Amino acid sequence: MDPVEIPDGLKDLNKYFDKVREYLGQISGELQSKLRSKEGTIRVTSRLNASGTHKAVPVWVGTYETGEVRTARRFDPGQVRFGQSNRSKVYEETVNDKKGTIHYRDWRTSLPEKTENGYGPGQAYGPREGFMYQFFVAIRKDLGEGKCQHVGTITVGFRNKPDRKRVEEVMKRWARDSNYVTYLEKTFNLGGPVF
């Protein structure tokens, strides 16, 4: 099967969204097992870069939220946004960071970023449900010969400020050397900045 183009090939929600959500649920579960219950991850999302470009062009591919959140919200924002592209300042920062460091937002103080000229209007589904602490990491594809490509992001949101060290360790592993990265490489024609 040929790799799927992003975003043009993302027409079949069920074919790709459910599989991505399954991986994001595994990330959430691992984080919950490592954190105190009051910090536990509630929301994990992922965007992939548009195919055929080295510029940061984010396309929404998945969301995992706990049942409690889905019930309170009464709709799945990941399904609403699946295959859609919208500019994101933190996405651009994250995929263009050649070191692949974790980027962080405390939306209690910097939510206006969601409405900055050229970046908004952001739906802010996470902050609207109280996930005011978010961590972002670039998904890194190894190209060999010391090169890599940042093909998207994993984002984890918390209602309470978590133990940053534990969160970052798990996120980096899932974004670099995991079954999720392998699935993405086999399934999609990945774009994004090359370093």
N, C-alpha and C. Protein backbone atom coordinates (compact mmCIF):
# COMPACT_ATOMS: atom_id res chain seq x y z
N MET A 1 0.84 -1.19 0.00
CA MET A 1 0.00 0.00 0.00
C MET A 1 0.88 1.25 0.00
N ASP A 2 0.57 2.19 -0.87
CA ASP A 2 1.33 3.44 -0.94
C ASP A 2 1.05 4.30 0.29
N PRO A 3 2.07 5.04 0.74
CA PRO A 3 1.85 5.95 1.88
C PRO A 3 0.78 6.99 1.55
N VAL A 4 0.01 7.35 2.54
CA VAL A 4 -1.10 8.29 2.40
C VAL A 4 -0.56 9.72 2.43
N GLU A 5 -1.05 10.54 1.51
CA GLU A 5 -0.68 11.95 1.47
C GLU A 5 -1.44 12.72 2.56
N ILE A 6 -0.74 13.67 3.16
CA ILE A 6 -1.33 14.52 4.20
C ILE A 6 -1.42 15.94 3.67
N PRO A 7 -2.60 16.55 3.66
CA PRO A 7 -3.87 16.11 4.21
C PRO A 7 -4.79 15.41 3.21
N ASP A 8 -4.45 15.40 1.93
CA ASP A 8 -5.39 14.94 0.91
C ASP A 8 -5.89 13.51 1.11
N GLY A 9 -5.05 12.64 1.66
CA GLY A 9 -5.45 11.25 1.84
C GLY A 9 -6.22 10.97 3.11
N LEU A 10 -6.45 11.98 3.91
CA LEU A 10 -7.14 11.80 5.19
C LEU A 10 -8.64 11.97 5.05
N LYS A 11 -9.22 11.24 4.13
CA LYS A 11 -10.67 11.34 3.92
C LYS A 11 -11.43 10.34 4.78
N ASP A 12 -10.80 9.19 5.07
CA ASP A 12 -11.46 8.12 5.80
C ASP A 12 -11.13 8.24 7.29
N LEU A 13 -12.00 8.89 8.03
CA LEU A 13 -11.78 9.13 9.45
C LEU A 13 -11.51 7.85 10.21
N ASN A 14 -12.35 6.84 10.00
CA ASN A 14 -12.24 5.61 10.78
C ASN A 14 -10.97 4.82 10.49
N LYS A 15 -10.48 4.90 9.29
CA LYS A 15 -9.31 4.11 8.90
C LYS A 15 -8.06 4.55 9.64
N TYR A 16 -7.89 5.83 9.88
CA TYR A 16 -6.66 6.34 10.49
C TYR A 16 -6.86 6.90 11.89
N PHE A 17 -7.96 7.58 12.13
CA PHE A 17 -8.17 8.26 13.41
C PHE A 17 -8.18 7.27 14.58
N ASP A 18 -8.89 6.15 14.41
CA ASP A 18 -9.00 5.19 15.50
C ASP A 18 -7.65 4.58 15.85
N LYS A 19 -6.83 4.30 14.85
CA LYS A 19 -5.51 3.72 15.11
C LYS A 19 -4.61 4.74 15.82
N VAL A 20 -4.63 5.97 15.37
CA VAL A 20 -3.83 7.02 16.03
C VAL A 20 -4.32 7.19 17.47
N ARG A 21 -5.64 7.22 17.67
CA ARG A 21 -6.18 7.37 19.02
C ARG A 21 -5.75 6.23 19.93
N GLU A 22 -5.65 5.03 19.37
CA GLU A 22 -5.18 3.88 20.15
C GLU A 22 -3.76 4.13 20.68
N TYR A 23 -2.87 4.61 19.82
CA TYR A 23 -1.51 4.91 20.27
C TYR A 23 -1.49 6.05 21.30
N LEU A 24 -2.28 7.07 21.06
CA LEU A 24 -2.32 8.19 22.00
C LEU A 24 -2.87 7.74 23.36
N GLY A 25 -3.79 6.80 23.35
CA GLY A 25 -4.30 6.24 24.59
C GLY A 25 -3.21 5.48 25.35
N GLN A 26 -2.33 4.80 24.62
CA GLN A 26 -1.21 4.10 25.26
C GLN A 26 -0.26 5.10 25.92
N ILE A 27 -0.02 6.23 25.24
CA ILE A 27 0.83 7.27 25.83
C ILE A 27 0.20 7.79 27.11
N SER A 28 -1.11 8.06 27.06
CA SER A 28 -1.82 8.55 28.23
C SER A 28 -1.73 7.54 29.38
N GLY A 29 -1.94 6.27 29.07
CA GLY A 29 -1.89 5.23 30.10
C GLY A 29 -0.52 5.14 30.75
N GLU A 30 0.53 5.21 29.95
CA GLU A 30 1.87 5.14 30.52
C GLU A 30 2.15 6.35 31.41
N LEU A 31 1.75 7.51 30.97
CA LEU A 31 1.96 8.71 31.79
C LEU A 31 1.16 8.62 33.09
N GLN A 32 -0.07 8.16 33.01
CA GLN A 32 -0.89 8.05 34.22
C GLN A 32 -0.26 7.09 35.22
N SER A 33 0.39 6.04 34.72
CA SER A 33 1.01 5.07 35.63
C SER A 33 2.25 5.64 36.32
N LYS A 34 2.85 6.68 35.76
CA LYS A 34 4.07 7.26 36.32
C LYS A 34 3.83 8.51 37.16
N LEU A 35 2.63 9.05 37.10
CA LEU A 35 2.34 10.31 37.80
C LEU A 35 1.36 10.08 38.95
N ARG A 36 1.36 11.00 39.88
CA ARG A 36 0.36 10.97 40.95
C ARG A 36 -1.01 11.22 40.34
N SER A 37 -2.03 10.68 40.94
CA SER A 37 -3.37 10.74 40.35
C SER A 37 -3.84 12.16 40.06
N LYS A 38 -3.49 13.11 40.89
CA LYS A 38 -3.95 14.48 40.66
C LYS A 38 -3.27 15.12 39.45
N GLU A 39 -2.12 14.56 39.01
CA GLU A 39 -1.44 15.10 37.84
C GLU A 39 -1.81 14.37 36.56
N GLY A 40 -2.40 13.21 36.69
CA GLY A 40 -2.57 12.30 35.57
C GLY A 40 -2.99 12.95 34.27
N THR A 41 -2.41 12.47 33.18
CA THR A 41 -2.72 13.03 31.88
C THR A 41 -4.18 12.80 31.54
N ILE A 42 -4.76 13.75 30.91
CA ILE A 42 -6.17 13.67 30.56
C ILE A 42 -6.35 13.71 29.04
N ARG A 43 -5.46 14.39 28.35
CA ARG A 43 -5.65 14.63 26.92
C ARG A 43 -4.32 14.52 26.18
N VAL A 44 -4.31 13.70 25.12
CA VAL A 44 -3.12 13.54 24.29
C VAL A 44 -3.57 13.75 22.84
N THR A 45 -2.85 14.59 22.11
CA THR A 45 -3.19 14.86 20.72
C THR A 45 -1.96 14.72 19.83
N SER A 46 -2.21 14.62 18.53
CA SER A 46 -1.09 14.53 17.60
C SER A 46 -1.44 15.24 16.30
N ARG A 47 -0.45 15.93 15.79
CA ARG A 47 -0.54 16.54 14.46
C ARG A 47 0.62 15.99 13.64
N LEU A 48 0.40 15.85 12.34
CA LEU A 48 1.48 15.49 11.42
C LEU A 48 1.67 16.63 10.45
N ASN A 49 2.86 16.71 9.92
CA ASN A 49 3.14 17.76 8.96
C ASN A 49 2.58 17.38 7.59
N ALA A 50 2.20 18.36 6.81
CA ALA A 50 1.72 18.12 5.45
C ALA A 50 2.82 17.46 4.63
N SER A 51 2.43 16.56 3.76
CA SER A 51 3.37 15.89 2.87
C SER A 51 3.98 16.87 1.89
N GLY A 52 5.19 16.57 1.43
CA GLY A 52 5.80 17.32 0.34
C GLY A 52 6.34 18.69 0.70
N THR A 53 6.52 18.97 1.99
CA THR A 53 7.08 20.26 2.37
C THR A 53 7.99 20.09 3.58
N HIS A 54 9.00 20.95 3.65
CA HIS A 54 9.87 20.99 4.83
C HIS A 54 9.46 22.12 5.76
N LYS A 55 8.44 22.87 5.39
CA LYS A 55 7.93 23.92 6.25
C LYS A 55 6.96 23.33 7.27
N ALA A 56 6.74 24.06 8.36
CA ALA A 56 5.83 23.60 9.40
C ALA A 56 4.39 23.85 8.98
N VAL A 57 3.70 22.78 8.57
CA VAL A 57 2.29 22.87 8.16
C VAL A 57 1.53 21.77 8.90
N PRO A 58 0.95 22.09 10.05
CA PRO A 58 0.32 21.06 10.88
C PRO A 58 -1.05 20.61 10.39
N VAL A 59 -1.28 19.30 10.50
CA VAL A 59 -2.57 18.71 10.15
C VAL A 59 -2.98 17.80 11.31
N TRP A 60 -4.18 17.99 11.81
CA TRP A 60 -4.66 17.25 12.98
C TRP A 60 -4.94 15.80 12.60
N VAL A 61 -4.37 14.83 13.36
CA VAL A 61 -4.61 13.41 13.06
C VAL A 61 -5.16 12.62 14.22
N GLY A 62 -5.19 13.17 15.43
CA GLY A 62 -5.72 12.35 16.50
C GLY A 62 -5.83 13.03 17.84
N THR A 63 -6.79 12.54 18.63
CA THR A 63 -7.01 13.02 19.99
C THR A 63 -7.43 11.84 20.84
N TYR A 64 -6.86 11.77 22.04
CA TYR A 64 -7.33 10.81 23.04
C TYR A 64 -7.71 11.60 24.28
N GLU A 65 -8.94 11.40 24.74
CA GLU A 65 -9.39 12.01 25.98
C GLU A 65 -10.03 10.93 26.83
N THR A 66 -9.91 11.06 28.14
CA THR A 66 -10.55 10.09 29.03
C THR A 66 -12.06 10.16 28.86
N GLY A 67 -12.74 9.09 29.27
CA GLY A 67 -14.19 9.03 29.17
C GLY A 67 -14.88 10.15 29.90
N GLU A 68 -14.32 10.52 31.04
CA GLU A 68 -14.89 11.62 31.84
C GLU A 68 -14.94 12.92 31.03
N VAL A 69 -13.88 13.18 30.29
CA VAL A 69 -13.81 14.41 29.49
C VAL A 69 -14.76 14.32 28.30
N ARG A 70 -14.77 13.18 27.61
CA ARG A 70 -15.65 13.02 26.45
C ARG A 70 -17.11 13.18 26.85
N THR A 71 -17.48 12.62 28.02
CA THR A 71 -18.86 12.73 28.50
C THR A 71 -19.22 14.18 28.80
N ALA A 72 -18.33 14.90 29.47
CA ALA A 72 -18.59 16.30 29.82
C ALA A 72 -18.67 17.17 28.57
N ARG A 73 -17.81 16.89 27.60
CA ARG A 73 -17.74 17.72 26.39
C ARG A 73 -18.89 17.42 25.44
N ARG A 74 -19.31 16.16 25.36
CA ARG A 74 -20.41 15.69 24.51
C ARG A 74 -20.10 15.65 23.03
N PHE A 75 -18.85 15.82 22.66
CA PHE A 75 -18.43 15.61 21.28
C PHE A 75 -16.94 15.34 21.29
N ASP A 76 -16.43 14.80 20.21
CA ASP A 76 -15.01 14.47 20.12
C ASP A 76 -14.32 15.52 19.24
N PRO A 77 -13.55 16.43 19.85
CA PRO A 77 -12.92 17.48 19.06
C PRO A 77 -11.89 16.93 18.06
N GLY A 78 -11.33 15.77 18.36
CA GLY A 78 -10.39 15.16 17.42
C GLY A 78 -11.06 14.79 16.13
N GLN A 79 -12.28 14.26 16.21
CA GLN A 79 -13.02 13.93 14.99
C GLN A 79 -13.41 15.19 14.23
N VAL A 80 -13.77 16.23 14.97
CA VAL A 80 -14.14 17.49 14.34
C VAL A 80 -12.94 18.07 13.57
N ARG A 81 -11.74 17.95 14.14
CA ARG A 81 -10.56 18.58 13.55
C ARG A 81 -9.77 17.65 12.63
N PHE A 82 -10.10 16.36 12.58
CA PHE A 82 -9.33 15.39 11.81
C PHE A 82 -9.10 15.85 10.37
N GLY A 83 -7.84 15.86 9.96
CA GLY A 83 -7.47 16.24 8.59
C GLY A 83 -7.44 17.73 8.34
N GLN A 84 -7.76 18.54 9.35
CA GLN A 84 -7.76 19.99 9.17
C GLN A 84 -6.39 20.56 9.51
N SER A 85 -6.05 21.62 8.83
CA SER A 85 -4.80 22.32 9.10
C SER A 85 -5.11 23.71 9.65
N ASN A 86 -4.37 24.07 10.67
CA ASN A 86 -4.43 25.46 11.14
C ASN A 86 -3.07 25.81 11.71
N ARG A 87 -2.62 27.00 11.43
CA ARG A 87 -1.30 27.42 11.91
C ARG A 87 -1.26 27.42 13.42
N SER A 88 -0.10 27.06 13.95
CA SER A 88 0.08 27.02 15.39
C SER A 88 1.49 27.48 15.71
N LYS A 89 1.58 28.48 16.54
CA LYS A 89 2.87 29.01 16.92
C LYS A 89 3.73 27.97 17.64
N VAL A 90 3.13 27.24 18.58
CA VAL A 90 3.91 26.26 19.33
C VAL A 90 4.26 25.06 18.45
N TYR A 91 3.41 24.71 17.48
CA TYR A 91 3.76 23.64 16.54
C TYR A 91 5.00 24.05 15.75
N GLU A 92 5.00 25.27 15.23
CA GLU A 92 6.16 25.75 14.46
C GLU A 92 7.42 25.74 15.30
N GLU A 93 7.34 26.22 16.54
CA GLU A 93 8.50 26.22 17.43
C GLU A 93 9.01 24.80 17.65
N THR A 94 8.10 23.88 17.87
CA THR A 94 8.47 22.52 18.24
C THR A 94 9.10 21.77 17.07
N VAL A 95 8.48 21.78 15.90
CA VAL A 95 9.06 21.01 14.78
C VAL A 95 10.30 21.68 14.21
N ASN A 96 10.48 22.97 14.43
CA ASN A 96 11.68 23.65 13.94
C ASN A 96 12.82 23.65 14.95
N ASP A 97 12.63 23.05 16.09
CA ASP A 97 13.67 22.94 17.11
C ASP A 97 14.54 21.73 16.80
N LYS A 98 15.70 21.96 16.22
CA LYS A 98 16.54 20.83 15.76
C LYS A 98 17.01 19.94 16.89
N LYS A 99 17.03 20.45 18.13
CA LYS A 99 17.43 19.62 19.27
C LYS A 99 16.31 18.70 19.73
N GLY A 100 15.09 19.00 19.33
CA GLY A 100 13.97 18.16 19.72
C GLY A 100 13.58 18.28 21.18
N THR A 101 13.79 19.46 21.75
CA THR A 101 13.45 19.65 23.15
C THR A 101 11.93 19.76 23.34
N ILE A 102 11.51 19.54 24.55
CA ILE A 102 10.09 19.65 24.88
C ILE A 102 9.72 21.12 25.00
N HIS A 103 8.62 21.49 24.38
CA HIS A 103 8.10 22.85 24.51
C HIS A 103 6.90 22.81 25.44
N TYR A 104 6.68 23.89 26.13
CA TYR A 104 5.71 23.91 27.22
C TYR A 104 4.87 25.17 27.14
N ARG A 105 3.59 25.01 27.48
CA ARG A 105 2.71 26.17 27.60
C ARG A 105 1.91 26.07 28.88
N ASP A 106 1.86 27.18 29.59
CA ASP A 106 0.95 27.35 30.71
C ASP A 106 -0.10 28.32 30.19
N TRP A 107 -1.23 27.79 29.77
CA TRP A 107 -2.24 28.62 29.11
C TRP A 107 -2.94 29.58 30.06
N ARG A 108 -2.68 29.46 31.36
CA ARG A 108 -3.24 30.44 32.28
C ARG A 108 -2.64 31.81 32.01
N THR A 109 -1.42 31.85 31.46
CA THR A 109 -0.74 33.13 31.24
C THR A 109 -0.57 33.48 29.77
N SER A 110 -0.63 32.47 28.87
CA SER A 110 -0.30 32.78 27.47
C SER A 110 -1.37 32.37 26.47
N LEU A 111 -2.62 32.26 26.90
CA LEU A 111 -3.70 31.91 25.98
C LEU A 111 -3.87 32.92 24.85
N PRO A 112 -3.53 34.20 25.03
CA PRO A 112 -3.67 35.14 23.92
C PRO A 112 -2.92 34.71 22.65
N GLU A 113 -1.91 33.84 22.78
CA GLU A 113 -1.21 33.31 21.62
C GLU A 113 -2.18 32.66 20.63
N LYS A 114 -3.28 32.11 21.15
CA LYS A 114 -4.25 31.43 20.31
C LYS A 114 -4.96 32.39 19.36
N THR A 115 -4.88 33.69 19.63
CA THR A 115 -5.57 34.66 18.78
C THR A 115 -4.62 35.62 18.07
N GLU A 116 -3.31 35.36 18.15
CA GLU A 116 -2.35 36.23 17.49
C GLU A 116 -2.59 36.25 15.98
N ASN A 117 -2.34 37.36 15.37
CA ASN A 117 -2.51 37.52 13.95
C ASN A 117 -1.74 36.43 13.21
N GLY A 118 -2.41 35.71 12.33
CA GLY A 118 -1.78 34.65 11.56
C GLY A 118 -1.85 33.28 12.21
N TYR A 119 -2.23 33.22 13.49
CA TYR A 119 -2.30 31.93 14.18
C TYR A 119 -3.70 31.58 14.65
N GLY A 120 -4.60 32.48 14.64
CA GLY A 120 -5.92 32.20 15.18
C GLY A 120 -6.97 32.19 14.10
N PRO A 121 -8.20 32.00 14.47
CA PRO A 121 -8.56 31.75 15.86
C PRO A 121 -8.34 30.28 16.20
N GLY A 122 -7.62 30.02 17.27
CA GLY A 122 -7.44 28.65 17.73
C GLY A 122 -8.67 28.21 18.49
N GLN A 123 -9.05 26.95 18.30
CA GLN A 123 -10.23 26.45 19.00
C GLN A 123 -9.99 26.32 20.50
N ALA A 124 -8.73 26.10 20.90
CA ALA A 124 -8.36 25.99 22.32
C ALA A 124 -9.21 24.96 23.03
N TYR A 125 -9.46 23.81 22.38
CA TYR A 125 -10.28 22.76 23.00
C TYR A 125 -9.68 22.28 24.32
N GLY A 126 -8.36 22.18 24.40
CA GLY A 126 -7.73 21.76 25.64
C GLY A 126 -7.96 22.75 26.77
N PRO A 127 -7.51 24.00 26.61
CA PRO A 127 -7.71 24.98 27.67
C PRO A 127 -9.18 25.21 28.04
N ARG A 128 -10.08 25.11 27.06
CA ARG A 128 -11.50 25.31 27.37
C ARG A 128 -12.03 24.24 28.31
N GLU A 129 -11.39 23.07 28.33
CA GLU A 129 -11.80 22.00 29.24
C GLU A 129 -10.90 21.94 30.48
N GLY A 130 -10.01 22.92 30.65
CA GLY A 130 -9.21 23.01 31.86
C GLY A 130 -7.82 22.41 31.78
N PHE A 131 -7.37 21.99 30.58
CA PHE A 131 -6.01 21.45 30.43
C PHE A 131 -5.06 22.62 30.20
N MET A 132 -4.73 23.29 31.27
CA MET A 132 -3.97 24.53 31.15
C MET A 132 -2.46 24.32 31.02
N TYR A 133 -1.99 23.10 31.27
CA TYR A 133 -0.56 22.80 31.15
C TYR A 133 -0.38 21.82 30.00
N GLN A 134 0.34 22.25 28.97
CA GLN A 134 0.55 21.38 27.82
C GLN A 134 2.03 21.28 27.48
N PHE A 135 2.43 20.05 27.11
CA PHE A 135 3.79 19.75 26.69
C PHE A 135 3.74 19.30 25.23
N PHE A 136 4.73 19.74 24.44
CA PHE A 136 4.78 19.45 23.01
C PHE A 136 6.15 18.88 22.67
N VAL A 137 6.18 17.81 21.88
CA VAL A 137 7.44 17.24 21.44
C VAL A 137 7.33 16.90 19.96
N ALA A 138 8.43 17.11 19.23
CA ALA A 138 8.46 16.78 17.81
C ALA A 138 8.60 15.27 17.63
N ILE A 139 7.82 14.72 16.71
CA ILE A 139 7.96 13.33 16.32
C ILE A 139 9.13 13.28 15.34
N ARG A 140 10.14 12.48 15.68
CA ARG A 140 11.39 12.48 14.93
C ARG A 140 11.55 11.21 14.11
N LYS A 141 11.71 11.38 12.81
CA LYS A 141 11.98 10.26 11.89
C LYS A 141 13.47 10.24 11.60
N ASP A 142 14.11 9.10 11.84
CA ASP A 142 15.54 8.95 11.59
C ASP A 142 15.76 8.73 10.09
N LEU A 143 16.54 9.59 9.47
CA LEU A 143 16.82 9.49 8.03
C LEU A 143 18.16 8.82 7.75
N GLY A 144 18.90 8.48 8.81
CA GLY A 144 20.22 7.88 8.64
C GLY A 144 21.28 8.93 8.41
N GLU A 145 22.54 8.53 8.49
CA GLU A 145 23.69 9.41 8.26
C GLU A 145 23.63 10.68 9.13
N GLY A 146 23.11 10.53 10.35
CA GLY A 146 23.06 11.66 11.27
C GLY A 146 21.97 12.67 11.00
N LYS A 147 21.06 12.37 10.07
CA LYS A 147 19.97 13.29 9.74
C LYS A 147 18.65 12.80 10.32
N CYS A 148 17.77 13.75 10.58
CA CYS A 148 16.42 13.40 11.03
C CYS A 148 15.43 14.41 10.47
N GLN A 149 14.17 14.04 10.55
CA GLN A 149 13.08 14.90 10.09
C GLN A 149 12.04 14.98 11.19
N HIS A 150 11.58 16.17 11.49
CA HIS A 150 10.50 16.35 12.47
C HIS A 150 9.19 16.38 11.70
N VAL A 151 8.41 15.29 11.86
CA VAL A 151 7.25 15.05 11.00
C VAL A 151 5.92 15.39 11.65
N GLY A 152 5.94 15.89 12.87
CA GLY A 152 4.70 16.23 13.55
C GLY A 152 4.97 16.42 15.03
N THR A 153 3.89 16.40 15.81
CA THR A 153 4.02 16.59 17.26
C THR A 153 3.10 15.65 18.03
N ILE A 154 3.52 15.40 19.26
CA ILE A 154 2.65 14.80 20.27
C ILE A 154 2.48 15.88 21.33
N THR A 155 1.24 16.09 21.74
CA THR A 155 0.92 17.08 22.77
C THR A 155 0.20 16.39 23.92
N VAL A 156 0.62 16.69 25.13
CA VAL A 156 -0.04 16.12 26.31
C VAL A 156 -0.52 17.26 27.19
N GLY A 157 -1.79 17.19 27.60
CA GLY A 157 -2.38 18.24 28.42
C GLY A 157 -2.78 17.75 29.80
N PHE A 158 -2.58 18.61 30.78
CA PHE A 158 -2.88 18.30 32.17
C PHE A 158 -3.72 19.41 32.79
N ARG A 159 -4.56 19.04 33.74
CA ARG A 159 -5.32 20.05 34.49
C ARG A 159 -4.46 20.62 35.61
N ASN A 160 -3.59 19.79 36.18
CA ASN A 160 -2.71 20.22 37.26
C ASN A 160 -1.27 20.12 36.77
N LYS A 161 -0.41 20.94 37.33
CA LYS A 161 1.00 20.97 36.90
C LYS A 161 1.66 19.64 37.27
N PRO A 162 2.18 18.90 36.27
CA PRO A 162 2.75 17.57 36.54
C PRO A 162 4.25 17.62 36.81
N ASP A 163 4.80 16.46 37.17
CA ASP A 163 6.23 16.28 37.33
C ASP A 163 6.86 16.30 35.94
N ARG A 164 7.49 17.40 35.62
CA ARG A 164 7.98 17.63 34.26
C ARG A 164 8.99 16.58 33.81
N LYS A 165 9.86 16.16 34.69
CA LYS A 165 10.90 15.19 34.32
C LYS A 165 10.27 13.87 33.86
N ARG A 166 9.29 13.38 34.59
CA ARG A 166 8.64 12.12 34.22
C ARG A 166 7.88 12.25 32.90
N VAL A 167 7.20 13.37 32.72
CA VAL A 167 6.44 13.59 31.49
C VAL A 167 7.38 13.62 30.28
N GLU A 168 8.45 14.38 30.37
CA GLU A 168 9.35 14.55 29.24
C GLU A 168 10.02 13.24 28.83
N GLU A 169 10.39 12.43 29.80
CA GLU A 169 11.05 11.15 29.51
C GLU A 169 10.14 10.26 28.66
N VAL A 170 8.88 10.15 29.04
CA VAL A 170 7.92 9.32 28.32
C VAL A 170 7.65 9.91 26.94
N MET A 171 7.43 11.20 26.87
CA MET A 171 7.10 11.83 25.59
C MET A 171 8.22 11.68 24.57
N LYS A 172 9.46 11.89 24.99
CA LYS A 172 10.58 11.79 24.06
C LYS A 172 10.69 10.38 23.50
N ARG A 173 10.50 9.38 24.33
CA ARG A 173 10.60 8.01 23.84
C ARG A 173 9.51 7.71 22.82
N TRP A 174 8.27 8.12 23.11
CA TRP A 174 7.17 7.87 22.18
C TRP A 174 7.35 8.64 20.87
N ALA A 175 8.02 9.78 20.92
CA ALA A 175 8.19 10.60 19.72
C ALA A 175 9.40 10.20 18.88
N ARG A 176 10.24 9.29 19.40
CA ARG A 176 11.47 8.94 18.68
C ARG A 176 11.61 7.46 18.37
N ASP A 177 11.26 6.63 19.31
CA ASP A 177 11.52 5.20 19.15
C ASP A 177 10.35 4.42 19.72
N SER A 178 9.28 4.35 18.95
CA SER A 178 8.07 3.68 19.44
C SER A 178 7.31 3.06 18.28
N ASN A 179 6.34 2.22 18.63
CA ASN A 179 5.47 1.64 17.62
C ASN A 179 4.65 2.73 16.91
N TYR A 180 4.39 3.83 17.61
CA TYR A 180 3.64 4.92 16.99
C TYR A 180 4.44 5.53 15.83
N VAL A 181 5.71 5.79 16.06
CA VAL A 181 6.55 6.35 14.99
C VAL A 181 6.64 5.37 13.83
N THR A 182 6.81 4.09 14.12
CA THR A 182 6.87 3.07 13.06
C THR A 182 5.59 3.05 12.25
N TYR A 183 4.44 3.11 12.93
CA TYR A 183 3.15 3.14 12.24
C TYR A 183 3.05 4.36 11.32
N LEU A 184 3.44 5.53 11.81
CA LEU A 184 3.37 6.74 11.00
C LEU A 184 4.25 6.63 9.77
N GLU A 185 5.47 6.11 9.94
CA GLU A 185 6.41 5.98 8.82
C GLU A 185 5.88 5.03 7.75
N LYS A 186 5.20 3.97 8.16
CA LYS A 186 4.67 2.98 7.20
C LYS A 186 3.39 3.46 6.53
N THR A 187 2.64 4.33 7.19
CA THR A 187 1.30 4.67 6.73
C THR A 187 1.22 5.96 5.94
N PHE A 188 2.04 6.97 6.30
CA PHE A 188 1.89 8.30 5.73
C PHE A 188 3.15 8.77 5.00
N ASN A 189 2.94 9.62 4.01
CA ASN A 189 4.03 10.31 3.35
C ASN A 189 4.32 11.55 4.21
N LEU A 190 5.34 11.42 5.04
CA LEU A 190 5.59 12.43 6.07
C LEU A 190 6.43 13.58 5.54
N GLY A 191 6.03 14.79 5.89
CA GLY A 191 6.79 15.98 5.57
C GLY A 191 7.31 16.61 6.85
N GLY A 192 8.03 17.71 6.71
CA GLY A 192 8.52 18.43 7.88
C GLY A 192 9.98 18.80 7.75
N PRO A 193 10.47 19.65 8.64
CA PRO A 193 11.85 20.13 8.59
C PRO A 193 12.87 19.00 8.74
N VAL A 194 13.96 19.10 7.98
CA VAL A 194 15.05 18.11 8.03
C VAL A 194 16.26 18.74 8.66
N PHE A 195 16.92 18.00 9.56
CA PHE A 195 18.12 18.50 10.25
C PHE A 195 19.26 17.51 10.07
